[in-house]
Amino acid sequence: PGGSLRLSCTASGIIFSRYTMNWYRQAPGKQRELVATFTTTG
C-alpha cells in the first residue's frame, strides 16, 4: 500500500493513434469498471 506500478499495453493490427484506448479493472466478485480513458482529445 502506498506504492506505485506502471502498466503497459501494446497494440497491433490498428492505426493506434486514431483510437481511444481504455484501462478497465475487475476485482473478484465485482463488475468490470472503467479506470481511465485516453481519447483523441483528452
PDB file of all heavy atoms in Angstrom:
ATOM      1  N   PRO A   1       0.832  -1.205   0.000  1.00  0.00           N
ATOM      2  CA  PRO A   1       0.000   0.000   0.000  1.00  0.00           C
ATOM      3  C   PRO A   1       0.867   1.255   0.000  1.00  0.00           C
ATOM      4  O   PRO A   1       1.888   1.314   0.701  1.00  0.00           O
ATOM      5  CB  PRO A   1      -0.792  -0.122   1.304  1.00  0.00           C
ATOM      6  CG  PRO A   1      -0.891  -1.590   1.531  1.00  0.00           C
ATOM      7  CD  PRO A   1       0.428  -2.146   1.059  1.00  0.00           C
ATOM      8  N   GLY A   2       0.453   2.223  -0.811  1.00  0.00           N
ATOM      9  CA  GLY A   2       1.225   3.449  -0.964  1.00  0.00           C
ATOM     10  C   GLY A   2       2.254   3.388  -2.079  1.00  0.00           C
ATOM     11  O   GLY A   2       2.838   4.422  -2.437  1.00  0.00           O
ATOM     12  N   GLY A   3       2.456   2.209  -2.632  1.00  0.00           N
ATOM     13  CA  GLY A   3       3.440   2.034  -3.682  1.00  0.00           C
ATOM     14  C   GLY A   3       2.924   2.402  -5.062  1.00  0.00           C
ATOM     15  O   GLY A   3       1.789   2.878  -5.214  1.00  0.00           O
ATOM     16  N   SER A   4       3.769   2.153  -6.060  1.00  0.00           N
ATOM     17  CA  SER A   4       3.448   2.518  -7.442  1.00  0.00           C
ATOM     18  C   SER A   4       3.738   1.361  -8.386  1.00  0.00           C
ATOM     19  O   SER A   4       4.598   0.522  -8.113  1.00  0.00           O
ATOM     20  CB  SER A   4       4.288   3.731  -7.881  1.00  0.00           C
ATOM     21  OG  SER A   4       4.017   4.860  -7.095  1.00  0.00           O
ATOM     22  N   LEU A   5       2.998   1.339  -9.476  1.00  0.00           N
ATOM     23  CA  LEU A   5       3.232   0.417 -10.578  1.00  0.00           C
ATOM     24  C   LEU A   5       2.906   1.132 -11.874  1.00  0.00           C
ATOM     25  O   LEU A   5       2.065   2.042 -11.884  1.00  0.00           O
ATOM     26  CB  LEU A   5       2.335  -0.824 -10.473  1.00  0.00           C
ATOM     27  CG  LEU A   5       2.727  -1.972  -9.547  1.00  0.00           C
ATOM     28  CD1 LEU A   5       1.620  -3.016  -9.539  1.00  0.00           C
ATOM     29  CD2 LEU A   5       4.056  -2.588  -9.929  1.00  0.00           C
ATOM     30  N   ARG A   6       3.541   0.695 -12.953  1.00  0.00           N
ATOM     31  CA  ARG A   6       3.179   1.193 -14.269  1.00  0.00           C
ATOM     32  C   ARG A   6       2.825   0.014 -15.158  1.00  0.00           C
ATOM     33  O   ARG A   6       3.637  -0.899 -15.343  1.00  0.00           O
ATOM     34  CB  ARG A   6       4.299   2.007 -14.911  1.00  0.00           C
ATOM     35  CG  ARG A   6       3.827   2.703 -16.197  1.00  0.00           C
ATOM     36  CD  ARG A   6       4.881   3.570 -16.831  1.00  0.00           C
ATOM     37  NE  ARG A   6       5.839   2.807 -17.620  1.00  0.00           N
ATOM     38  CZ  ARG A   6       6.553   3.310 -18.627  1.00  0.00           C
ATOM     39  NH1 ARG A   6       6.396   4.582 -18.969  1.00  0.00           N
ATOM     40  NH2 ARG A   6       7.410   2.554 -19.271  1.00  0.00           N
ATOM     41  N   LEU A   7       1.614   0.071 -15.683  1.00  0.00           N
ATOM     42  CA  LEU A   7       1.156  -0.939 -16.631  1.00  0.00           C
ATOM     43  C   LEU A   7       1.376  -0.440 -18.055  1.00  0.00           C
ATOM     44  O   LEU A   7       1.279   0.766 -18.320  1.00  0.00           O
ATOM     45  CB  LEU A   7      -0.323  -1.251 -16.428  1.00  0.00           C
ATOM     46  CG  LEU A   7      -0.762  -1.633 -15.020  1.00  0.00           C
ATOM     47  CD1 LEU A   7      -2.258  -1.947 -15.008  1.00  0.00           C
ATOM     48  CD2 LEU A   7       0.035  -2.782 -14.485  1.00  0.00           C
ATOM     49  N   SER A   8       1.637  -1.388 -18.946  1.00  0.00           N
ATOM     50  CA  SER A   8       1.790  -1.070 -20.363  1.00  0.00           C
ATOM     51  C   SER A   8       0.863  -1.955 -21.185  1.00  0.00           C
ATOM     52  O   SER A   8       0.579  -3.091 -20.797  1.00  0.00           O
ATOM     53  CB  SER A   8       3.232  -1.320 -20.825  1.00  0.00           C
ATOM     54  OG  SER A   8       4.148  -0.547 -20.106  1.00  0.00           O
ATOM     55  N   CYS A   9       0.410  -1.431 -22.290  1.00  0.00           N
ATOM     56  CA  CYS A   9      -0.410  -2.204 -23.226  1.00  0.00           C
ATOM     57  C   CYS A   9       0.030  -1.842 -24.635  1.00  0.00           C
ATOM     58  O   CYS A   9      -0.082  -0.678 -25.037  1.00  0.00           O
ATOM     59  CB  CYS A   9      -1.882  -1.892 -23.028  1.00  0.00           C
ATOM     60  SG  CYS A   9      -2.954  -2.566 -24.326  1.00  0.00           S
ATOM     61  N   THR A  10       0.522  -2.832 -25.352  1.00  0.00           N
ATOM     62  CA  THR A  10       0.966  -2.619 -26.721  1.00  0.00           C
ATOM     63  C   THR A  10      -0.046  -3.206 -27.685  1.00  0.00           C
ATOM     64  O   THR A  10      -0.461  -4.362 -27.534  1.00  0.00           O
ATOM     65  CB  THR A  10       2.347  -3.236 -26.949  1.00  0.00           C
ATOM     66  OG1 THR A  10       3.278  -2.618 -26.047  1.00  0.00           O
ATOM     67  CG2 THR A  10       2.817  -3.019 -28.375  1.00  0.00           C
ATOM     68  N   ALA A  11      -0.431  -2.396 -28.654  1.00  0.00           N
ATOM     69  CA  ALA A  11      -1.455  -2.789 -29.619  1.00  0.00           C
ATOM     70  C   ALA A  11      -0.834  -3.109 -30.971  1.00  0.00           C
ATOM     71  O   ALA A  11       0.179  -2.526 -31.358  1.00  0.00           O
ATOM     72  CB  ALA A  11      -2.475  -1.662 -29.783  1.00  0.00           C
ATOM     73  N   SER A  12      -1.468  -4.021 -31.678  1.00  0.00           N
ATOM     74  CA  SER A  12      -1.096  -4.318 -33.056  1.00  0.00           C
ATOM     75  C   SER A  12      -2.375  -4.540 -33.850  1.00  0.00           C
ATOM     76  O   SER A  12      -3.424  -4.869 -33.298  1.00  0.00           O
ATOM     77  CB  SER A  12      -0.189  -5.546 -33.132  1.00  0.00           C
ATOM     78  OG  SER A  12      -0.830  -6.687 -32.604  1.00  0.00           O
ATOM     79  N   GLY A  13      -2.268  -4.318 -35.148  1.00  0.00           N
ATOM     80  CA  GLY A  13      -3.416  -4.546 -36.022  1.00  0.00           C
ATOM     81  C   GLY A  13      -4.329  -3.352 -36.216  1.00  0.00           C
ATOM     82  O   GLY A  13      -5.356  -3.468 -36.892  1.00  0.00           O
ATOM     83  N   ILE A  14      -3.987  -2.204 -35.604  1.00  0.00           N
ATOM     84  CA  ILE A  14      -4.786  -0.989 -35.775  1.00  0.00           C
ATOM     85  C   ILE A  14      -3.853   0.194 -35.991  1.00  0.00           C
ATOM     86  O   ILE A  14      -2.670   0.123 -35.654  1.00  0.00           O
ATOM     87  CB  ILE A  14      -5.695  -0.692 -34.563  1.00  0.00           C
ATOM     88  CG1 ILE A  14      -4.865  -0.482 -33.282  1.00  0.00           C
ATOM     89  CG2 ILE A  14      -6.730  -1.778 -34.379  1.00  0.00           C
ATOM     90  CD1 ILE A  14      -5.684  -0.020 -32.095  1.00  0.00           C
ATOM     91  N   ILE A  15      -4.410   1.272 -36.565  1.00  0.00           N
ATOM     92  CA  ILE A  15      -3.658   2.528 -36.633  1.00  0.00           C
ATOM     93  C   ILE A  15      -3.863   3.193 -35.280  1.00  0.00           C
ATOM     94  O   ILE A  15      -4.826   3.932 -35.054  1.00  0.00           O
ATOM     95  CB  ILE A  15      -4.149   3.400 -37.787  1.00  0.00           C
ATOM     96  CG1 ILE A  15      -4.001   2.635 -39.105  1.00  0.00           C
ATOM     97  CG2 ILE A  15      -3.350   4.702 -37.840  1.00  0.00           C
ATOM     98  CD1 ILE A  15      -4.569   3.363 -40.306  1.00  0.00           C
ATOM     99  N   PHE A  16      -2.949   2.905 -34.384  1.00  0.00           N
ATOM    100  CA  PHE A  16      -3.113   3.150 -32.954  1.00  0.00           C
ATOM    101  C   PHE A  16      -3.528   4.589 -32.636  1.00  0.00           C
ATOM    102  O   PHE A  16      -4.402   4.820 -31.804  1.00  0.00           O
ATOM    103  CB  PHE A  16      -1.800   2.810 -32.264  1.00  0.00           C
ATOM    104  CG  PHE A  16      -1.796   2.968 -30.782  1.00  0.00           C
ATOM    105  CD1 PHE A  16      -2.395   2.021 -29.961  1.00  0.00           C
ATOM    106  CD2 PHE A  16      -1.191   4.068 -30.187  1.00  0.00           C
ATOM    107  CE1 PHE A  16      -2.394   2.161 -28.582  1.00  0.00           C
ATOM    108  CE2 PHE A  16      -1.183   4.213 -28.814  1.00  0.00           C
ATOM    109  CZ  PHE A  16      -1.786   3.258 -28.009  1.00  0.00           C
ATOM    110  N   SER A  17      -2.929   5.545 -33.299  1.00  0.00           N
ATOM    111  CA  SER A  17      -3.132   6.950 -32.940  1.00  0.00           C
ATOM    112  C   SER A  17      -4.576   7.411 -33.156  1.00  0.00           C
ATOM    113  O   SER A  17      -4.986   8.436 -32.613  1.00  0.00           O
ATOM    114  CB  SER A  17      -2.183   7.839 -33.730  1.00  0.00           C
ATOM    115  OG  SER A  17      -2.434   7.694 -35.115  1.00  0.00           O
ATOM    116  N   ARG A  18      -5.345   6.684 -33.928  1.00  0.00           N
ATOM    117  CA  ARG A  18      -6.701   7.108 -34.264  1.00  0.00           C
ATOM    118  C   ARG A  18      -7.748   6.665 -33.245  1.00  0.00           C
ATOM    119  O   ARG A  18      -8.904   7.086 -33.340  1.00  0.00           O
ATOM    120  CB  ARG A  18      -7.094   6.577 -35.633  1.00  0.00           C
ATOM    121  CG  ARG A  18      -6.266   7.108 -36.776  1.00  0.00           C
ATOM    122  CD  ARG A  18      -6.765   6.558 -38.091  1.00  0.00           C
ATOM    123  NE  ARG A  18      -5.963   7.025 -39.214  1.00  0.00           N
ATOM    124  CZ  ARG A  18      -6.163   6.656 -40.477  1.00  0.00           C
ATOM    125  NH1 ARG A  18      -7.149   5.828 -40.772  1.00  0.00           N
ATOM    126  NH2 ARG A  18      -5.395   7.117 -41.429  1.00  0.00           N
ATOM    127  N   TYR A  19      -7.355   5.816 -32.301  1.00  0.00           N
ATOM    128  CA  TYR A  19      -8.358   5.160 -31.476  1.00  0.00           C
ATOM    129  C   TYR A  19      -8.242   5.479 -29.994  1.00  0.00           C
ATOM    130  O   TYR A  19      -7.142   5.607 -29.447  1.00  0.00           O
ATOM    131  CB  TYR A  19      -8.287   3.644 -31.684  1.00  0.00           C
ATOM    132  CG  TYR A  19      -8.703   3.271 -33.069  1.00  0.00           C
ATOM    133  CD1 TYR A  19      -7.753   3.154 -34.089  1.00  0.00           C
ATOM    134  CD2 TYR A  19     -10.038   3.095 -33.391  1.00  0.00           C
ATOM    135  CE1 TYR A  19      -8.139   2.880 -35.381  1.00  0.00           C
ATOM    136  CE2 TYR A  19     -10.424   2.809 -34.681  1.00  0.00           C
ATOM    137  CZ  TYR A  19      -9.473   2.706 -35.670  1.00  0.00           C
ATOM    138  OH  TYR A  19      -9.862   2.422 -36.949  1.00  0.00           O
ATOM    139  N   THR A  20      -9.400   5.592 -29.364  1.00  0.00           N
ATOM    140  CA  THR A  20      -9.475   5.697 -27.917  1.00  0.00           C
ATOM    141  C   THR A  20      -8.975   4.404 -27.283  1.00  0.00           C
ATOM    142  O   THR A  20      -9.317   3.306 -27.733  1.00  0.00           O
ATOM    143  CB  THR A  20     -10.923   5.944 -27.483  1.00  0.00           C
ATOM    144  OG1 THR A  20     -11.317   7.242 -27.947  1.00  0.00           O
ATOM    145  CG2 THR A  20     -11.081   5.871 -25.986  1.00  0.00           C
ATOM    146  N   MET A  21      -8.165   4.568 -26.262  1.00  0.00           N
ATOM    147  CA  MET A  21      -7.652   3.419 -25.513  1.00  0.00           C
ATOM    148  C   MET A  21      -8.127   3.540 -24.074  1.00  0.00           C
ATOM    149  O   MET A  21      -8.128   4.642 -23.498  1.00  0.00           O
ATOM    150  CB  MET A  21      -6.135   3.364 -25.559  1.00  0.00           C
ATOM    151  CG  MET A  21      -5.554   3.213 -26.950  1.00  0.00           C
ATOM    152  SD  MET A  21      -6.075   1.690 -27.774  1.00  0.00           S
ATOM    153  CE  MET A  21      -5.400   0.446 -26.682  1.00  0.00           C
ATOM    154  N   ASN A  22      -8.518   2.425 -23.509  1.00  0.00           N
ATOM    155  CA  ASN A  22      -9.080   2.403 -22.160  1.00  0.00           C
ATOM    156  C   ASN A  22      -8.358   1.394 -21.280  1.00  0.00           C
ATOM    157  O   ASN A  22      -7.858   0.372 -21.770  1.00  0.00           O
ATOM    158  CB  ASN A  22     -10.561   2.004 -22.204  1.00  0.00           C
ATOM    159  CG  ASN A  22     -11.369   2.844 -23.152  1.00  0.00           C
ATOM    160  OD1 ASN A  22     -11.420   4.058 -23.011  1.00  0.00           O
ATOM    161  ND2 ASN A  22     -11.996   2.205 -24.123  1.00  0.00           N
ATOM    162  N   TRP A  23      -8.363   1.692 -19.991  1.00  0.00           N
ATOM    163  CA  TRP A  23      -7.978   0.706 -18.982  1.00  0.00           C
ATOM    164  C   TRP A  23      -9.207   0.416 -18.125  1.00  0.00           C
ATOM    165  O   TRP A  23      -9.865   1.334 -17.639  1.00  0.00           O
ATOM    166  CB  TRP A  23      -6.859   1.227 -18.102  1.00  0.00           C
ATOM    167  CG  TRP A  23      -5.512   1.220 -18.722  1.00  0.00           C
ATOM    168  CD1 TRP A  23      -4.846   2.272 -19.285  1.00  0.00           C
ATOM    169  CD2 TRP A  23      -4.629   0.106 -18.843  1.00  0.00           C
ATOM    170  NE1 TRP A  23      -3.625   1.879 -19.759  1.00  0.00           N
ATOM    171  CE2 TRP A  23      -3.463   0.551 -19.487  1.00  0.00           C
ATOM    172  CE3 TRP A  23      -4.708  -1.242 -18.463  1.00  0.00           C
ATOM    173  CZ2 TRP A  23      -2.389  -0.294 -19.758  1.00  0.00           C
ATOM    174  CZ3 TRP A  23      -3.639  -2.082 -18.735  1.00  0.00           C
ATOM    175  CH2 TRP A  23      -2.489  -1.610 -19.376  1.00  0.00           C
ATOM    176  N   TYR A  24      -9.488  -0.861 -17.968  1.00  0.00           N
ATOM    177  CA  TYR A  24     -10.538  -1.334 -17.077  1.00  0.00           C
ATOM    178  C   TYR A  24      -9.890  -2.206 -15.994  1.00  0.00           C
ATOM    179  O   TYR A  24      -8.749  -2.653 -16.147  1.00  0.00           O
ATOM    180  CB  TYR A  24     -11.550  -2.208 -17.830  1.00  0.00           C
ATOM    181  CG  TYR A  24     -12.547  -1.480 -18.663  1.00  0.00           C
ATOM    182  CD1 TYR A  24     -12.212  -0.980 -19.917  1.00  0.00           C
ATOM    183  CD2 TYR A  24     -13.856  -1.297 -18.216  1.00  0.00           C
ATOM    184  CE1 TYR A  24     -13.143  -0.324 -20.707  1.00  0.00           C
ATOM    185  CE2 TYR A  24     -14.799  -0.642 -18.998  1.00  0.00           C
ATOM    186  CZ  TYR A  24     -14.438  -0.165 -20.239  1.00  0.00           C
ATOM    187  OH  TYR A  24     -15.373   0.483 -21.006  1.00  0.00           O
ATOM    188  N   ARG A  25     -10.659  -2.472 -14.962  1.00  0.00           N
ATOM    189  CA  ARG A  25     -10.208  -3.433 -13.965  1.00  0.00           C
ATOM    190  C   ARG A  25     -11.404  -4.227 -13.432  1.00  0.00           C
ATOM    191  O   ARG A  25     -12.541  -3.752 -13.477  1.00  0.00           O
ATOM    192  CB  ARG A  25      -9.483  -2.757 -12.796  1.00  0.00           C
ATOM    193  CG  ARG A  25     -10.364  -1.889 -11.914  1.00  0.00           C
ATOM    194  CD  ARG A  25      -9.513  -1.187 -10.864  1.00  0.00           C
ATOM    195  NE  ARG A  25     -10.314  -0.352  -9.982  1.00  0.00           N
ATOM    196  CZ  ARG A  25      -9.802   0.470  -9.074  1.00  0.00           C
ATOM    197  NH1 ARG A  25      -8.472   0.578  -8.932  1.00  0.00           N
ATOM    198  NH2 ARG A  25     -10.590   1.181  -8.282  1.00  0.00           N
ATOM    199  N   GLN A  26     -11.089  -5.422 -12.943  1.00  0.00           N
ATOM    200  CA  GLN A  26     -12.130  -6.260 -12.370  1.00  0.00           C
ATOM    201  C   GLN A  26     -11.583  -6.960 -11.142  1.00  0.00           C
ATOM    202  O   GLN A  26     -10.620  -7.734 -11.225  1.00  0.00           O
ATOM    203  CB  GLN A  26     -12.640  -7.287 -13.380  1.00  0.00           C
ATOM    204  CG  GLN A  26     -13.843  -8.065 -12.885  1.00  0.00           C
ATOM    205  CD  GLN A  26     -14.554  -8.805 -13.992  1.00  0.00           C
ATOM    206  OE1 GLN A  26     -13.976  -9.080 -15.046  1.00  0.00           O
ATOM    207  NE2 GLN A  26     -15.818  -9.131 -13.769  1.00  0.00           N
ATOM    208  N   ALA A  27     -12.208  -6.655 -10.012  1.00  0.00           N
ATOM    209  CA  ALA A  27     -11.842  -7.293  -8.755  1.00  0.00           C
ATOM    210  C   ALA A  27     -12.719  -8.527  -8.552  1.00  0.00           C
ATOM    211  O   ALA A  27     -13.815  -8.609  -9.113  1.00  0.00           O
ATOM    212  CB  ALA A  27     -12.027  -6.317  -7.602  1.00  0.00           C
ATOM    213  N   PRO A  28     -12.270  -9.486  -7.749  1.00  0.00           N
ATOM    214  CA  PRO A  28     -13.057 -10.699  -7.521  1.00  0.00           C
ATOM    215  C   PRO A  28     -14.456 -10.375  -7.007  1.00  0.00           C
ATOM    216  O   PRO A  28     -14.615  -9.582  -6.071  1.00  0.00           O
ATOM    217  CB  PRO A  28     -12.244 -11.444  -6.461  1.00  0.00           C
ATOM    218  CG  PRO A  28     -10.853 -10.971  -6.658  1.00  0.00           C
ATOM    219  CD  PRO A  28     -10.976  -9.525  -7.069  1.00  0.00           C
ATOM    220  N   GLY A  29     -15.455 -10.942  -7.654  1.00  0.00           N
ATOM    221  CA  GLY A  29     -16.833 -10.750  -7.233  1.00  0.00           C
ATOM    222  C   GLY A  29     -17.442  -9.421  -7.617  1.00  0.00           C
ATOM    223  O   GLY A  29     -18.572  -9.114  -7.206  1.00  0.00           O
ATOM    224  N   LYS A  30     -16.707  -8.609  -8.377  1.00  0.00           N
ATOM    225  CA  LYS A  30     -17.216  -7.291  -8.770  1.00  0.00           C
ATOM    226  C   LYS A  30     -17.286  -7.173 -10.284  1.00  0.00           C
ATOM    227  O   LYS A  30     -16.644  -7.925 -11.012  1.00  0.00           O
ATOM    228  CB  LYS A  30     -16.321  -6.193  -8.191  1.00  0.00           C
ATOM    229  CG  LYS A  30     -16.335  -6.110  -6.679  1.00  0.00           C
ATOM    230  CD  LYS A  30     -15.597  -4.881  -6.198  1.00  0.00           C
ATOM    231  CE  LYS A  30     -15.673  -4.744  -4.687  1.00  0.00           C
ATOM    232  NZ  LYS A  30     -14.973  -3.524  -4.204  1.00  0.00           N
ATOM    233  N   GLN A  31     -18.073  -6.191 -10.724  1.00  0.00           N
ATOM    234  CA  GLN A  31     -18.175  -5.935 -12.158  1.00  0.00           C
ATOM    235  C   GLN A  31     -16.923  -5.221 -12.663  1.00  0.00           C
ATOM    236  O   GLN A  31     -16.236  -4.523 -11.901  1.00  0.00           O
ATOM    237  CB  GLN A  31     -19.411  -5.070 -12.441  1.00  0.00           C
ATOM    238  CG  GLN A  31     -20.720  -5.804 -12.278  1.00  0.00           C
ATOM    239  CD  GLN A  31     -21.888  -4.991 -12.807  1.00  0.00           C
ATOM    240  OE1 GLN A  31     -21.866  -3.772 -12.781  1.00  0.00           O
ATOM    241  NE2 GLN A  31     -22.913  -5.676 -13.292  1.00  0.00           N
ATOM    242  N   ARG A  32     -16.660  -5.412 -13.932  1.00  0.00           N
ATOM    243  CA  ARG A  32     -15.542  -4.707 -14.545  1.00  0.00           C
ATOM    244  C   ARG A  32     -15.857  -3.215 -14.569  1.00  0.00           C
ATOM    245  O   ARG A  32     -16.971  -2.810 -14.917  1.00  0.00           O
ATOM    246  CB  ARG A  32     -15.326  -5.230 -15.970  1.00  0.00           C
ATOM    247  CG  ARG A  32     -14.011  -4.846 -16.586  1.00  0.00           C
ATOM    248  CD  ARG A  32     -13.742  -5.618 -17.852  1.00  0.00           C
ATOM    249  NE  ARG A  32     -13.537  -7.045 -17.585  1.00  0.00           N
ATOM    250  CZ  ARG A  32     -13.084  -7.894 -18.503  1.00  0.00           C
ATOM    251  NH1 ARG A  32     -12.793  -7.465 -19.730  1.00  0.00           N
ATOM    252  NH2 ARG A  32     -12.942  -9.170 -18.196  1.00  0.00           N
ATOM    253  N   GLU A  33     -14.887  -2.388 -14.187  1.00  0.00           N
ATOM    254  CA  GLU A  33     -15.108  -0.942 -14.144  1.00  0.00           C
ATOM    255  C   GLU A  33     -14.059  -0.215 -14.973  1.00  0.00           C
ATOM    256  O   GLU A  33     -12.906  -0.645 -15.069  1.00  0.00           O
ATOM    257  CB  GLU A  33     -15.086  -0.420 -12.696  1.00  0.00           C
ATOM    258  CG  GLU A  33     -13.749  -0.508 -11.998  1.00  0.00           C
ATOM    259  CD  GLU A  33     -13.688   0.277 -10.694  1.00  0.00           C
ATOM    260  OE1 GLU A  33     -14.361   1.321 -10.571  1.00  0.00           O
ATOM    261  OE2 GLU A  33     -12.941  -0.175  -9.796  1.00  0.00           O
ATOM    262  N   LEU A  34     -14.503   0.907 -15.539  1.00  0.00           N
ATOM    263  CA  LEU A  34     -13.607   1.742 -16.326  1.00  0.00           C
ATOM    264  C   LEU A  34     -12.711   2.547 -15.388  1.00  0.00           C
ATOM    265  O   LEU A  34     -13.209   3.252 -14.516  1.00  0.00           O
ATOM    266  CB  LEU A  34     -14.419   2.670 -17.225  1.00  0.00           C
ATOM    267  CG  LEU A  34     -13.634   3.621 -18.117  1.00  0.00           C
ATOM    268  CD1 LEU A  34     -12.757   2.864 -19.092  1.00  0.00           C
ATOM    269  CD2 LEU A  34     -14.603   4.541 -18.862  1.00  0.00           C
ATOM    270  N   VAL A  35     -11.410   2.454 -15.612  1.00  0.00           N
ATOM    271  CA  VAL A  35     -10.439   3.149 -14.770  1.00  0.00           C
ATOM    272  C   VAL A  35      -9.989   4.450 -15.413  1.00  0.00           C
ATOM    273  O   VAL A  35      -9.960   5.497 -14.767  1.00  0.00           O
ATOM    274  CB  VAL A  35      -9.218   2.235 -14.508  1.00  0.00           C
ATOM    275  CG1 VAL A  35      -8.126   2.988 -13.762  1.00  0.00           C
ATOM    276  CG2 VAL A  35      -9.636   0.992 -13.744  1.00  0.00           C
ATOM    277  N   ALA A  36      -9.621   4.383 -16.691  1.00  0.00           N
ATOM    278  CA  ALA A  36      -9.089   5.561 -17.367  1.00  0.00           C
ATOM    279  C   ALA A  36      -9.266   5.421 -18.866  1.00  0.00           C
ATOM    280  O   ALA A  36      -9.259   4.309 -19.402  1.00  0.00           O
ATOM    281  CB  ALA A  36      -7.611   5.746 -17.036  1.00  0.00           C
ATOM    282  N   THR A  37      -9.412   6.575 -19.512  1.00  0.00           N
ATOM    283  CA  THR A  37      -9.629   6.633 -20.960  1.00  0.00           C
ATOM    284  C   THR A  37      -8.730   7.682 -21.562  1.00  0.00           C
ATOM    285  O   THR A  37      -8.577   8.781 -20.991  1.00  0.00           O
ATOM    286  CB  THR A  37     -11.090   6.998 -21.265  1.00  0.00           C
ATOM    287  OG1 THR A  37     -11.938   5.944 -20.799  1.00  0.00           O
ATOM    288  CG2 THR A  37     -11.314   7.192 -22.741  1.00  0.00           C
ATOM    289  N   PHE A  38      -8.141   7.348 -22.711  1.00  0.00           N
ATOM    290  CA  PHE A  38      -7.360   8.331 -23.463  1.00  0.00           C
ATOM    291  C   PHE A  38      -7.981   8.413 -24.849  1.00  0.00           C
ATOM    292  O   PHE A  38      -7.800   7.520 -25.668  1.00  0.00           O
ATOM    293  CB  PHE A  38      -5.893   7.915 -23.545  1.00  0.00           C
ATOM    294  CG  PHE A  38      -4.954   9.059 -23.819  1.00  0.00           C
ATOM    295  CD1 PHE A  38      -3.869   9.288 -23.006  1.00  0.00           C
ATOM    296  CD2 PHE A  38      -5.160   9.914 -24.903  1.00  0.00           C
ATOM    297  CE1 PHE A  38      -2.991  10.347 -23.254  1.00  0.00           C
ATOM    298  CE2 PHE A  38      -4.308  10.968 -25.150  1.00  0.00           C
ATOM    299  CZ  PHE A  38      -3.206  11.180 -24.316  1.00  0.00           C
ATOM    300  N   THR A  39      -8.719   9.479 -25.093  1.00  0.00           N
ATOM    301  CA  THR A  39      -9.347   9.678 -26.396  1.00  0.00           C
ATOM    302  C   THR A  39      -8.393  10.429 -27.312  1.00  0.00           C
ATOM    303  O   THR A  39      -7.251  10.730 -26.941  1.00  0.00           O
ATOM    304  CB  THR A  39     -10.651  10.473 -26.253  1.00  0.00           C
ATOM    305  OG1 THR A  39     -10.321  11.830 -25.942  1.00  0.00           O
ATOM    306  CG2 THR A  39     -11.526   9.908 -25.141  1.00  0.00           C
ATOM    307  N   THR A  40      -8.883  10.801 -28.465  1.00  0.00           N
ATOM    308  CA  THR A  40      -8.052  11.590 -29.378  1.00  0.00           C
ATOM    309  C   THR A  40      -7.944  13.042 -28.912  1.00  0.00           C
ATOM    310  O   THR A  40      -7.137  13.803 -29.431  1.00  0.00           O
ATOM    311  CB  THR A  40      -8.609  11.555 -30.800  1.00  0.00           C
ATOM    312  OG1 THR A  40      -9.972  11.990 -30.762  1.00  0.00           O
ATOM    313  CG2 THR A  40      -8.548  10.143 -31.368  1.00  0.00           C
ATOM    314  N   THR A  41      -8.774  13.410 -27.924  1.00  0.00           N
ATOM    315  CA  THR A  41      -8.781  14.803 -27.470  1.00  0.00           C
ATOM    316  C   THR A  41      -8.398  14.984 -26.003  1.00  0.00           C
ATOM    317  O   THR A  41      -8.167  16.116 -25.582  1.00  0.00           O
ATOM    318  CB  THR A  41     -10.159  15.441 -27.693  1.00  0.00           C
ATOM    319  OG1 THR A  41     -11.139  14.655 -26.994  1.00  0.00           O
ATOM    320  CG2 THR A  41     -10.505  15.487 -29.169  1.00  0.00           C
ATOM    321  N   GLY A  42      -8.363  13.897 -25.237  1.00  0.00           N
ATOM    322  CA  GLY A  42      -8.026  14.079 -23.833  1.00  0.00           C
ATOM    323  C   GLY A  42      -8.198  12.823 -23.019  1.00  0.00           C
ATOM    324  O   GLY A  42      -8.360  11.729 -23.558  1.00  0.00           O
TER     325      GLY A  42
END
